[in-house]
Protein backbone atom coordinates (compact mmCIF):
# COMPACT_ATOMS: atom_id res chain seq x y z
CA MET A 1 234.55 27.52 -86.33
CA ASN A 2 233.70 24.06 -87.64
CA PHE A 3 233.51 23.51 -91.39
CA ASP A 4 232.45 19.84 -91.09
CA ASN A 5 228.73 20.48 -91.61
CA LEU A 6 229.44 22.40 -94.83
CA PHE A 7 231.25 19.52 -96.46
CA LYS A 8 229.13 16.82 -94.87
CA ASP A 9 226.01 18.30 -96.48
CA LEU A 10 227.84 18.95 -99.75
CA ILE A 11 229.11 15.37 -100.00
CA THR A 12 225.67 14.03 -99.01
CA SER A 13 224.07 16.06 -101.81
CA TYR A 14 226.07 14.07 -104.37
CA LYS A 15 224.93 10.69 -103.07
CA PRO A 16 222.02 8.67 -104.53
CA SER A 17 218.58 9.93 -103.60
CA THR A 18 216.82 8.79 -100.47
CA THR A 19 213.47 9.44 -98.85
CA VAL A 20 213.37 12.50 -96.63
CA SER A 21 211.40 11.81 -93.45
CA LEU A 22 209.80 14.66 -91.50
CA THR A 23 208.93 13.73 -87.93
CA GLY A 24 208.28 17.00 -86.16
CA SER A 25 211.57 16.78 -84.27
CA GLN A 26 213.11 19.43 -86.53
CA GLY A 27 216.09 17.46 -87.85
CA LEU A 28 215.97 18.62 -91.49
CA ASN A 29 219.41 19.27 -92.99
CA LEU A 30 220.28 21.37 -96.03
CA ALA A 31 221.36 18.34 -98.08
CA SER A 32 217.83 16.92 -97.75
CA ILE A 33 216.28 20.23 -98.80
CA ILE A 34 218.51 20.31 -101.87
CA SER A 35 217.65 16.70 -102.73
CA VAL A 36 213.89 17.28 -102.51
CA GLY A 37 214.22 20.59 -104.34
CA GLN A 38 216.04 18.88 -107.21
CA GLY A 39 213.40 16.16 -107.34
CA LYS A 40 215.78 13.40 -106.23
CA SER A 41 213.93 12.44 -103.04
CA ASN A 42 210.38 11.74 -101.98
CA VAL A 43 208.99 12.99 -98.67
CA THR A 44 207.27 11.09 -95.88
CA LEU A 45 205.55 12.48 -92.78
CA ASP A 46 206.48 10.09 -89.99
CA ILE A 47 204.78 11.93 -87.16
CA THR A 48 205.28 10.50 -83.70
CA ASP A 49 202.36 10.02 -81.33
CA LYS A 50 203.64 12.95 -79.27
CA PHE A 51 203.40 15.39 -82.15
CA ARG A 52 200.16 13.91 -83.50
CA GLU A 53 198.54 14.46 -80.10
CA ARG A 54 199.85 18.03 -80.04
CA PHE A 55 198.38 18.75 -83.50
CA GLU A 56 194.99 17.47 -82.36
CA LYS A 57 195.01 19.23 -78.99
CA VAL A 58 196.01 22.61 -80.39
CA ARG A 59 193.37 22.35 -83.12
CA GLU A 60 190.74 21.35 -80.55
CA LYS A 61 191.55 24.34 -78.33
CA LYS A 62 191.68 26.69 -81.33
CA LEU A 63 188.20 25.63 -82.46
CA GLU A 64 186.86 25.94 -78.89
CA GLN A 65 188.19 29.50 -78.71
CA VAL A 66 186.69 30.37 -82.10
CA SER A 67 183.33 28.96 -81.02
CA SER A 68 183.37 30.93 -77.77
CA GLY A 69 184.20 34.21 -79.52
CA VAL A 70 187.78 34.71 -78.27
CA PRO A 71 189.50 37.40 -80.41
CA ILE A 72 192.46 35.61 -82.06
CA TYR A 73 194.64 37.41 -84.60
CA GLY A 74 194.07 36.20 -88.18
CA THR A 75 191.58 33.62 -86.92
CA THR A 76 188.67 35.66 -85.63
CA THR A 77 190.14 39.02 -86.64
CA SER A 78 191.18 40.43 -90.00
CA TYR A 79 194.83 40.74 -91.04
CA GLY A 80 197.68 43.18 -90.49
CA GLY A 81 196.56 46.79 -90.29
CA ARG A 82 192.93 45.58 -90.19
CA ALA A 83 193.45 43.48 -87.03
CA SER A 84 190.92 45.65 -85.20
CA VAL A 85 188.16 44.08 -87.33
CA ILE A 86 186.90 41.32 -85.02
CA LEU A 87 184.58 38.69 -86.49
CA ASN A 88 183.20 37.02 -83.38
CA LYS A 89 179.56 38.04 -83.55
CA GLY A 90 176.60 35.63 -83.73
CA ASN A 91 176.19 32.05 -82.50
CA GLU A 92 178.84 29.31 -82.56
CA GLU A 93 177.91 28.22 -86.07
CA LYS A 94 178.17 31.77 -87.41
CA ARG A 95 181.50 32.37 -85.67
CA ASN A 96 183.00 29.21 -87.17
CA GLU A 97 181.55 30.05 -90.57
CA ASN A 98 183.10 33.53 -90.49
CA ALA A 99 186.45 32.19 -89.29
CA ALA A 100 186.51 29.67 -92.14
CA LYS A 101 185.64 32.38 -94.69
CA LEU A 102 188.38 34.57 -93.21
CA SER A 103 190.87 31.71 -93.59
CA GLN A 104 189.87 31.32 -97.25
CA SER A 105 190.22 35.08 -97.83
CA ILE A 106 194.00 34.84 -97.31
CA VAL A 107 194.29 34.33 -101.07
CA HIS A 108 194.34 38.14 -101.33
CA VAL A 109 198.11 37.87 -100.74
CA ASP A 110 198.57 35.76 -103.91
CA VAL A 111 200.04 38.62 -105.95
CA SER A 112 203.50 37.37 -106.98
CA THR A 113 204.61 38.57 -110.41
CA GLY A 114 207.73 38.63 -112.55
CA PRO A 115 210.08 35.86 -113.67
CA ALA A 116 209.29 32.42 -112.29
CA ILE A 117 211.20 31.29 -109.21
CA PRO A 118 213.32 28.25 -110.15
CA LYS A 119 211.38 25.04 -109.70
CA GLU A 120 213.84 23.57 -107.20
CA ILE A 121 213.43 26.58 -104.90
CA VAL A 122 209.62 26.40 -105.00
CA ARG A 123 209.81 22.69 -104.12
CA ALA A 124 212.29 23.39 -101.33
CA ALA A 125 210.02 26.14 -99.99
CA MET A 126 207.07 23.73 -99.90
CA LEU A 127 209.16 21.19 -98.00
CA ILE A 128 210.36 23.81 -95.50
CA ARG A 129 206.78 25.07 -95.01
CA ILE A 130 205.71 21.55 -94.03
CA ASN A 131 208.66 21.25 -91.66
CA MET A 132 207.99 24.61 -90.03
CA LEU A 133 204.41 23.53 -89.31
CA MET A 134 205.34 20.02 -88.12
CA PRO A 135 205.73 20.95 -84.42
CA GLY A 136 201.93 21.25 -84.34
CA LEU A 137 201.67 24.68 -82.72
CA SER A 138 199.87 26.47 -85.55
CA GLY A 139 196.35 25.04 -85.41
CA ILE A 140 196.65 23.36 -88.80
CA ARG A 141 195.65 19.78 -89.60
CA ILE A 142 198.15 17.11 -90.62
CA LYS A 143 195.98 16.27 -93.64
CA VAL A 144 196.70 19.72 -95.12
CA LEU A 145 200.45 19.08 -94.86
CA GLU A 146 199.89 15.68 -96.47
CA VAL A 147 198.49 17.41 -99.57
CA ILE A 148 201.64 19.56 -99.92
CA LYS A 149 203.70 16.39 -99.52
CA GLU A 150 201.61 14.76 -102.25
CA LEU A 151 202.40 17.61 -104.64
CA LEU A 152 206.12 17.16 -103.95
CA ASN A 153 206.04 13.40 -104.48
CA LYS A 154 203.98 13.69 -107.66
CA ASN A 155 206.30 16.42 -108.92
CA ILE A 156 203.58 19.03 -109.37
CA THR A 157 205.05 22.48 -108.84
CA PRO A 158 203.07 25.75 -108.86
CA ILE A 159 204.64 28.53 -110.91
CA VAL A 160 205.47 31.35 -108.51
CA GLY A 161 206.72 34.84 -109.38
CA GLN A 162 209.91 36.30 -107.91
CA TYR A 163 208.42 39.68 -107.04
CA GLY A 164 206.11 40.49 -104.14
CA SER A 165 207.71 39.53 -100.83
CA VAL A 166 208.92 42.20 -98.41
CA GLY A 167 210.02 39.53 -95.95
CA ALA A 168 207.89 40.92 -93.13
CA SER A 169 205.05 38.47 -92.47
CA GLY A 170 207.26 36.00 -94.24
CA ASP A 171 206.95 35.48 -97.99
CA LEU A 172 203.23 36.21 -98.26
CA ALA A 173 203.01 36.70 -102.02
CA GLN A 174 204.79 33.45 -102.83
CA ASN A 175 203.10 31.35 -100.15
CA GLY A 176 199.76 32.79 -101.26
CA ARG A 177 200.33 31.17 -104.66
CA ILE A 178 200.83 27.80 -102.99
CA VAL A 179 197.55 28.22 -101.10
CA SER A 180 195.74 29.11 -104.34
CA CYS A 181 197.18 25.95 -105.85
CA LEU A 182 195.99 23.82 -102.92
CA LEU A 183 192.53 25.36 -103.29
CA GLN A 184 192.77 24.59 -107.03
CA LEU A 185 191.91 28.12 -108.07
CA PRO A 186 191.91 28.56 -111.86
CA SER A 187 194.47 31.40 -111.89
CA VAL A 188 197.39 29.15 -110.89
CA MET A 189 199.70 27.57 -113.43
CA GLY A 190 201.89 24.58 -112.63
CA VAL A 191 204.62 22.43 -114.13
CA ASP A 192 204.76 18.64 -114.08
CA LYS A 193 207.78 16.33 -113.82
CA LYS A 194 208.29 16.46 -117.61
CA GLY A 195 208.38 20.26 -117.57
CA LYS A 196 204.98 20.69 -119.21
CA ILE A 197 203.14 23.82 -118.08
CA SER A 198 199.36 23.78 -117.64
CA LYS A 199 196.72 24.93 -115.18
CA ALA A 200 197.59 23.58 -111.73
CA GLN A 201 193.92 22.76 -111.23
CA ILE A 202 194.08 20.32 -114.16
CA LEU A 203 197.39 18.83 -113.01
CA LEU A 204 196.07 18.15 -109.51
CA LYS A 205 192.82 16.60 -110.72
CA LYS A 206 194.68 14.41 -113.21
CA ASN A 207 196.85 13.13 -110.35
CA GLY A 208 193.94 12.48 -108.01
CA VAL A 209 194.65 15.38 -105.65
CA LEU A 210 191.50 16.89 -104.17
CA PRO A 211 191.22 20.62 -103.35
CA ILE A 212 191.63 21.44 -99.68
CA ILE A 213 188.92 23.15 -97.61
CA LEU A 214 190.50 25.54 -95.14
CA GLU A 215 189.53 25.54 -91.48
CA PRO A 216 189.91 28.65 -89.30
CA LYS A 217 193.52 29.93 -89.16
CA GLU A 218 194.84 27.35 -91.69
CA GLY A 219 195.15 29.88 -94.51
CA LEU A 220 197.28 32.13 -92.34
CA ALA A 221 199.37 29.19 -91.14
CA LEU A 222 200.22 28.33 -94.75
CA VAL A 223 201.34 31.82 -95.80
CA ASN A 224 202.86 33.29 -92.64
CA GLY A 225 206.52 32.27 -92.80
CA ASP A 226 209.89 32.86 -94.46
CA ASN A 227 210.16 29.45 -96.12
CA PHE A 228 210.71 30.85 -99.63
CA SER A 229 213.55 33.05 -98.36
CA SER A 230 214.93 30.04 -96.48
CA ALA A 231 214.75 27.88 -99.60
CA ALA A 232 216.49 30.55 -101.67
CA ALA A 233 219.17 30.96 -98.98
CA THR A 234 219.72 27.19 -98.96
CA PHE A 235 220.37 26.97 -102.69
CA ILE A 236 222.39 30.21 -102.83
CA SER A 237 224.66 29.02 -100.02
CA TYR A 238 224.94 25.59 -101.68
CA GLU A 239 226.09 27.08 -104.98
CA THR A 240 228.33 29.62 -103.21
CA LEU A 241 230.06 26.77 -101.36
CA GLN A 242 230.72 24.97 -104.63
CA LEU A 243 231.99 28.15 -106.27
CA MET A 244 234.25 28.88 -103.28
CA LEU A 245 235.91 25.51 -103.78
CA LEU A 246 236.18 25.88 -107.57
CA ASN A 247 237.49 29.40 -107.15
CA LEU A 248 240.23 28.26 -104.77
CA TYR A 249 241.15 25.53 -107.24
CA CYS A 250 241.25 28.20 -109.99
CA ASN A 251 243.40 30.40 -107.73
CA ALA A 252 245.85 27.52 -107.40
CA LEU A 253 246.07 27.27 -111.20
CA THR A 254 246.64 31.03 -111.39
CA ILE A 255 249.37 30.91 -108.73
CA GLN A 256 251.16 28.26 -110.77
CA ALA A 257 250.69 30.26 -113.98
CA LEU A 258 252.22 33.32 -112.26
CA GLN A 259 254.94 31.20 -110.58
CA GLY A 260 253.80 32.22 -107.11
CA SER A 261 255.36 31.13 -103.85
CA MET A 262 254.27 28.36 -101.48
CA ARG A 263 255.86 30.36 -98.68
CA ASN A 264 252.82 32.65 -98.67
CA PHE A 265 251.06 29.78 -96.92
CA HIS A 266 253.69 28.93 -94.33
CA SER A 267 252.09 27.45 -91.21
CA ILE A 268 253.53 30.12 -88.91
CA LEU A 269 251.17 32.70 -90.40
CA SER A 270 248.04 30.86 -89.27
CA LYS A 271 249.56 29.87 -85.94
CA VAL A 272 250.32 33.43 -84.90
CA ARG A 273 247.00 34.73 -86.27
CA PRO A 274 244.75 31.75 -85.61
CA HIS A 275 241.58 32.58 -87.49
CA LYS A 276 239.99 29.28 -88.53
CA GLY A 277 239.04 30.45 -92.02
CA GLN A 278 242.55 31.73 -92.70
CA GLU A 279 244.08 28.43 -91.59
CA PHE A 280 241.54 26.47 -93.64
CA THR A 281 242.27 28.46 -96.83
CA SER A 282 246.02 28.23 -96.31
CA ASN A 283 245.93 24.47 -95.81
CA LEU A 284 243.80 23.96 -98.92
CA LEU A 285 246.19 26.02 -101.05
CA ARG A 286 249.21 24.16 -99.69
CA ASN A 287 247.53 20.90 -100.59
CA LEU A 288 246.67 22.13 -104.09
CA LEU A 289 250.16 23.44 -104.85
CA GLN A 290 252.16 20.57 -103.39
CA GLY A 291 254.47 19.05 -106.03
CA SER A 292 253.92 21.76 -108.65
CA LYS A 293 256.91 22.51 -110.88
CA LEU A 294 255.52 25.97 -111.58
CA ALA A 295 254.77 27.25 -108.07
CA ARG A 296 257.89 28.00 -106.01
CA GLN A 297 258.37 25.09 -103.58
CA ASP A 298 260.00 27.27 -100.95
CA LEU A 299 258.20 26.36 -97.73
CA LYS A 300 261.44 25.37 -96.04
CA GLU A 301 263.56 28.29 -97.20
CA PRO A 302 262.99 31.56 -99.11
CA GLY A 303 263.81 31.10 -102.79
CA ILE A 304 266.15 33.24 -104.87
CA ARG A 305 264.41 35.55 -107.31
CA GLY A 306 265.62 37.26 -110.45
CA GLU A 307 267.26 40.66 -110.49
CA ASP A 308 264.14 42.57 -111.55
CA GLU A 309 261.61 40.45 -109.63
CA LEU A 310 259.79 41.58 -106.51
CA ILE A 311 261.02 39.67 -103.49
CA GLN A 312 257.45 38.81 -102.47
CA ASP A 313 254.21 38.05 -104.30
CA PRO A 314 251.45 40.67 -104.74
CA TYR A 315 248.58 40.91 -102.27
CA SER A 316 246.11 39.08 -104.54
CA ILE A 317 248.28 35.96 -104.19
CA ARG A 318 250.08 36.42 -100.91
CA CYS A 319 246.97 37.40 -98.93
CA LEU A 320 244.54 34.76 -100.21
CA PRO A 321 244.13 33.06 -96.78
CA GLN A 322 243.49 36.41 -95.11
CA TYR A 323 241.19 37.54 -97.95
CA PHE A 324 238.98 34.45 -98.17
CA GLY A 325 239.35 33.34 -94.53
CA PRO A 326 236.46 35.50 -93.26
CA ASP A 327 234.32 34.30 -96.17
CA TRP A 328 234.77 30.65 -95.17
CA GLU A 329 233.90 31.54 -91.58
CA ASN A 330 230.85 33.49 -92.74
CA LEU A 331 229.73 30.63 -94.96
CA ALA A 332 229.92 28.15 -92.09
CA SER A 333 227.99 30.56 -89.87
CA ILE A 334 225.36 31.16 -92.56
CA TRP A 335 224.96 27.40 -93.08
CA GLU A 336 224.24 27.01 -89.36
CA THR A 337 221.79 29.94 -89.36
CA ILE A 338 219.83 28.55 -92.30
CA THR A 339 219.74 25.11 -90.66
CA ILE A 340 218.25 26.64 -87.51
CA ASN A 341 215.74 28.63 -89.52
CA VAL A 342 214.37 25.78 -91.64
CA ASN A 343 213.82 23.82 -88.44
CA SER A 344 211.95 26.64 -86.70
CA VAL A 345 208.31 27.63 -86.30
CA SER A 346 207.77 30.86 -88.27
CA ASP A 347 203.99 31.13 -88.04
CA ASN A 348 201.91 33.77 -86.26
CA PRO A 349 199.98 33.30 -84.07
CA ILE A 350 200.87 30.02 -82.40
CA TRP A 351 199.47 28.29 -79.33
CA THR A 352 201.33 27.49 -76.13
CA THR A 353 201.54 23.87 -75.03
CA PRO A 354 202.49 22.69 -71.52
CA GLU A 355 206.23 22.55 -72.32
CA TYR A 356 206.26 26.15 -73.62
CA ILE A 357 204.20 28.09 -71.06
CA GLU A 358 205.44 30.91 -68.87
CA LYS A 359 205.34 30.45 -65.10
CA GLY A 360 201.76 30.68 -63.93
CA GLU A 361 200.34 30.59 -67.46
CA GLU A 362 197.61 28.19 -68.54
CA PRO A 363 198.49 26.22 -71.71
CA TYR A 364 196.82 26.55 -75.12
CA LYS A 365 196.64 30.32 -75.17
CA TRP A 366 197.55 32.01 -78.44
CA VAL A 367 200.73 34.07 -78.78
CA SER A 368 201.30 36.73 -81.40
CA GLY A 369 204.92 37.41 -82.31
CA GLY A 370 207.33 38.05 -85.16
CA ASN A 371 208.94 34.73 -86.05
CA PHE A 372 207.91 35.29 -89.66
CA LEU A 373 210.29 38.27 -90.04
CA ALA A 374 212.95 36.99 -92.45
CA MET A 375 215.81 39.11 -91.10
CA HIS A 376 218.07 36.14 -90.39
CA MET A 377 217.65 35.06 -94.01
CA ALA A 378 218.07 38.62 -95.32
CA ASP A 379 221.29 39.02 -93.36
CA SER A 380 222.53 35.59 -94.48
CA ILE A 381 221.85 36.25 -98.16
CA ASP A 382 223.37 39.74 -97.93
CA ARG A 383 226.52 38.13 -96.52
CA LEU A 384 226.53 35.52 -99.27
CA ARG A 385 226.51 38.32 -101.84
CA LYS A 386 229.57 39.81 -100.16
CA ILE A 387 231.36 36.47 -100.54
CA LEU A 388 230.45 36.36 -104.23
CA ILE A 389 231.78 39.84 -104.94
CA HIS A 390 235.05 38.88 -103.26
CA ILE A 391 235.34 35.99 -105.74
CA ILE A 392 234.58 38.27 -108.70
CA LYS A 393 236.99 41.04 -107.71
CA LEU A 394 239.81 38.61 -106.95
CA ASN A 395 239.47 37.04 -110.38
CA ASP A 396 239.58 40.49 -111.98
CA ARG A 397 242.87 41.21 -110.21
CA HIS A 398 244.35 37.85 -111.17
CA LEU A 399 243.44 38.22 -114.84
CA ALA A 400 244.93 41.73 -114.91
CA ARG A 401 248.25 40.19 -113.85
CA LEU A 402 248.07 37.22 -116.21
CA VAL A 403 247.66 39.39 -119.32
CA HIS A 404 250.34 42.01 -118.55
CA PRO A 405 254.00 41.01 -119.15
CA LYS A 406 255.19 43.41 -116.43
CA PHE A 407 253.17 41.62 -113.76
CA SER A 408 253.05 38.01 -115.01
CA ASN A 409 256.67 36.91 -114.58
CA GLY A 410 257.32 36.89 -118.29
CA LEU A 411 254.12 35.61 -119.92
CA PRO A 412 253.44 37.09 -123.37
CA ALA A 413 251.14 40.09 -123.69
CA ASN A 414 247.47 39.14 -123.35
CA LEU A 415 248.48 35.48 -123.15
CA SER A 416 248.99 35.59 -126.92
CA ASP A 417 250.63 32.83 -128.90
CA LYS A 418 253.21 33.88 -131.50
CA LYS A 419 250.62 33.26 -134.23
CA ALA A 420 248.36 36.03 -132.89
CA ILE A 421 249.13 39.00 -135.11
CA SER A 422 247.79 41.68 -132.77
CA GLN A 423 249.09 40.10 -129.55
CA THR A 424 245.72 40.96 -127.95
CA THR A 425 244.21 37.45 -127.65
CA PHE A 426 242.79 37.85 -124.12
CA LYS A 427 242.35 41.64 -124.12
CA GLY A 428 238.60 41.36 -124.72
CA LEU A 429 238.11 38.97 -121.80
CA GLN A 430 240.20 41.16 -119.52
CA THR A 431 238.15 44.22 -120.43
CA GLN A 432 234.93 42.27 -119.85
CA MET A 433 236.17 41.26 -116.39
CA GLY A 434 236.17 44.97 -115.56
CA MET A 435 232.45 45.02 -116.36
CA TYR A 436 231.91 42.07 -114.01
CA ASP A 437 233.79 43.95 -111.30
CA VAL A 438 231.74 47.13 -111.53
CA TYR A 439 228.38 45.44 -112.21
CA SER A 440 228.79 43.16 -109.21
CA SER A 441 229.53 46.21 -107.05
CA LEU A 442 226.10 47.54 -107.98
CA LEU A 443 224.48 44.23 -107.00
CA VAL A 444 225.99 43.89 -103.55
CA SER A 445 224.22 46.64 -101.55
CA PRO A 446 222.51 45.09 -98.51
CA ALA A 447 218.77 44.57 -98.85
CA SER A 448 218.27 44.21 -95.11
CA THR A 449 218.92 47.93 -94.54
CA ALA A 450 216.79 49.21 -97.43
CA PHE A 451 213.32 48.67 -96.00
CA GLY A 452 210.45 51.14 -95.91
CA ILE A 453 207.01 51.20 -94.26
CA HIS A 454 204.39 48.94 -95.82
CA GLU A 455 200.84 47.62 -95.40
CA GLU A 456 198.87 50.34 -93.63
CA PHE A 457 201.83 51.22 -91.35
CA ASN A 458 201.65 47.71 -89.87
CA GLN A 459 204.80 46.35 -91.47
CA ASP A 460 207.12 49.17 -90.43
CA VAL A 461 210.12 46.84 -90.06
CA THR A 462 210.79 44.51 -92.99
CA SER A 463 213.69 42.37 -94.22
CA HIS A 464 213.39 42.07 -98.03
CA ALA A 465 215.20 38.75 -97.87
CA PHE A 466 213.80 37.54 -101.16
CA SER A 467 214.91 40.75 -102.89
CA SER A 468 218.41 39.93 -101.69
CA ALA A 469 217.99 36.45 -103.19
CA ILE A 470 217.02 37.90 -106.59
CA LEU A 471 220.22 39.97 -106.60
CA SER A 472 222.18 36.90 -105.52
CA TRP A 473 221.12 34.87 -108.54
CA GLU A 474 222.61 37.50 -110.82
CA LEU A 475 225.79 37.64 -108.72
CA LEU A 476 226.09 33.85 -108.85
CA ARG A 477 225.99 34.02 -112.64
CA ILE A 478 228.66 36.73 -112.74
CA ALA A 479 230.82 34.73 -110.30
CA ARG A 480 230.56 31.67 -112.57
CA TYR A 481 231.61 33.82 -115.53
CA ALA A 482 234.53 35.30 -113.61
CA ILE A 483 235.83 31.89 -112.53
CA SER A 484 235.29 30.47 -116.02
CA THR A 485 237.25 33.35 -117.56
CA ASN A 486 240.20 32.81 -115.27
CA LEU A 487 240.15 29.07 -115.77
CA ILE A 488 240.52 29.66 -119.52
CA ALA A 489 243.25 32.26 -118.96
CA SER A 490 245.18 30.20 -116.42
CA CYS A 491 245.16 27.11 -118.64
CA GLN A 492 246.37 29.24 -121.55
CA ALA A 493 249.19 30.58 -119.36
CA ILE A 494 250.12 27.09 -118.17
CA ASP A 495 250.44 25.88 -121.76
CA LEU A 496 252.62 28.89 -122.53
CA ARG A 497 254.81 27.93 -119.54
CA GLY A 498 255.30 24.36 -120.74
CA GLY A 499 252.03 22.51 -120.26
CA PRO A 500 250.13 20.41 -117.70
CA LYS A 501 253.09 18.12 -116.95
CA LEU A 502 254.33 20.94 -114.70
CA LEU A 503 251.13 21.16 -112.64
CA SER A 504 250.50 19.70 -109.21
CA SER A 505 248.65 16.39 -109.27
CA THR A 506 245.65 17.94 -107.50
CA THR A 507 245.12 20.76 -110.02
CA LYS A 508 245.81 18.79 -113.21
CA PRO A 509 242.27 17.28 -113.31
CA LEU A 510 240.71 20.76 -113.44
CA TYR A 511 243.07 21.75 -116.26
CA GLU A 512 242.00 18.63 -118.16
CA TRP A 513 238.32 19.44 -117.59
CA VAL A 514 238.83 22.91 -119.06
CA ARG A 515 240.63 21.43 -122.06
CA ASP A 516 237.65 19.15 -122.72
CA TYR A 517 235.76 22.31 -123.69
CA VAL A 518 238.36 24.97 -124.51
CA PRO A 519 241.45 24.43 -126.69
CA PHE A 520 244.70 26.36 -126.50
CA ILE A 521 243.96 29.68 -128.23
CA LYS A 522 246.51 30.09 -131.03
CA LYS A 523 245.21 33.33 -132.55
CA GLU A 524 242.56 35.97 -132.07
CA GLN A 525 239.03 34.54 -132.02
CA PRO A 526 235.72 35.01 -130.21
CA LEU A 527 236.03 33.69 -126.64
CA GLY A 528 232.71 34.55 -125.00
CA HIS A 529 231.11 31.24 -125.97
CA TYR A 530 233.87 29.35 -124.13
CA VAL A 531 233.07 31.33 -120.97
CA GLU A 532 229.40 30.41 -121.36
CA ILE A 533 230.23 26.71 -121.88
CA LEU A 534 232.37 26.45 -118.74
CA SER A 535 229.87 28.46 -116.71
CA ASP A 536 226.99 26.23 -117.84
CA ASN A 537 228.82 23.00 -117.05
CA MET A 538 230.96 23.70 -113.98
CA LEU A 539 228.21 22.65 -111.57
CA LYS A 540 226.85 19.86 -113.79
CA ASP A 541 229.95 17.83 -114.64
CA ASN A 542 230.80 16.66 -111.10
CA VAL A 543 233.79 19.00 -111.15
CA VAL A 544 233.23 19.94 -107.50
CA LYS A 545 232.90 16.27 -106.60
CA SER A 546 236.28 15.69 -108.27
CA VAL A 547 237.75 18.63 -106.34
CA LEU A 548 236.52 17.14 -103.07
CA ALA A 549 238.10 13.80 -103.94
CA HIS A 550 241.52 15.45 -104.41
CA LEU A 551 241.44 17.64 -101.33
CA GLU A 552 242.21 16.67 -97.76
CA LEU A 553 239.21 18.33 -96.11
């Protein structure tokens, strides 16, 4: 298991913006998707002659087949459960006219409702849709992709609802909204680079963008794919990676606050059980705790403990490499899966070209398949939610120890200063952490196993990847709250132990960041707003960038 791509993309995402070039060779990385999504990079279509010729040849053959009356799914037939409706009657002109009208009729899937999908995810989905169509196998013209690129570069983003996708023929409801925007239908709202909301039709006209006129099959090519699920998976994995790092950093503060042992991370443990994620976690924790005057520096020899102390640390400290090891391995695997997916053709149908034909097959015949089924993204996002609940539950267990004198190696009850009359300073936060624990358990059920039968019995296997993404956004928020809560509690405990001068050099910067927002709590007071402040700023203040600078990755 190689974690290099994770951190390579993460580090790249912090660098100054560049232009993202799409060539058709399918080399798009997640850092580029994040940059375009966040509006930091423009997009160019640098299509090689090879791919340009393929676009033109496939389109030429598609139009020939339409003219000659060949039944082609979604091109000269209706959609889904109505695929038996074949529109190939009449002369060539009538056949082409019907096929164009059919292409235009795809707007019936524009039904997304509910809260707006975050702007960066809509932009990322538009970028990924272009990239998925860049191999030129879908019968779409390059000029249509150029219009989507123009919207990205002019920072015009359609407002798209979260609800509607079952992840079967891709994200139809969301992609349908993009098509309606490209057609400049009056129902679509959009947002400009300043955040002003108005009719997309007006925004496009103001920026000199003409409405597209769909050729046969082009409407289907634009909606038939899991690019919205892929975009959501990209950003969810990106934030999860950052939270995994911050959480481990927070764990290191907690270990110091509880006077935990370095010997839990002795190298023999990862050598005799050589899981890569376990070794990776152990090495990071060793690096973070090195030189601490609070953590027991007992790598070379077991330390002597007090008469009433347990001779070893509890599971929630001692087993951190074994607990989070699989999550790091899963995250690396998910990152690779998403990278493959955003560089794949997810349309249906597509046309064979000479390099893709079966033995004895003539090229440029259409193939109907299921590359739009978003199961890889559903499974990936489901697994990301499992990682997030591990973070939340671990922080609940750590806080329970920090606030209880029996389990904290002598810290005062509820991390209370002597001035706190009730000695219950952190009791409210610890109770709230229990809510996070239970609520997150309700949010973690897999979406990929919950599917039903939809769309006239046609979509009888579905993925619901985007539903998993919606649940993930709530879990990400709870994970930020859980980490923020324990950062406040650990810093309070460290001050009660003697202050930041006792911390390792690698964890002291995070303590100082917390203290920029949250003071030492001397007596009972509301604390929820401090949790909100840290949660709101932990991914904005370059904290993760600082963590990366102090770690030997």
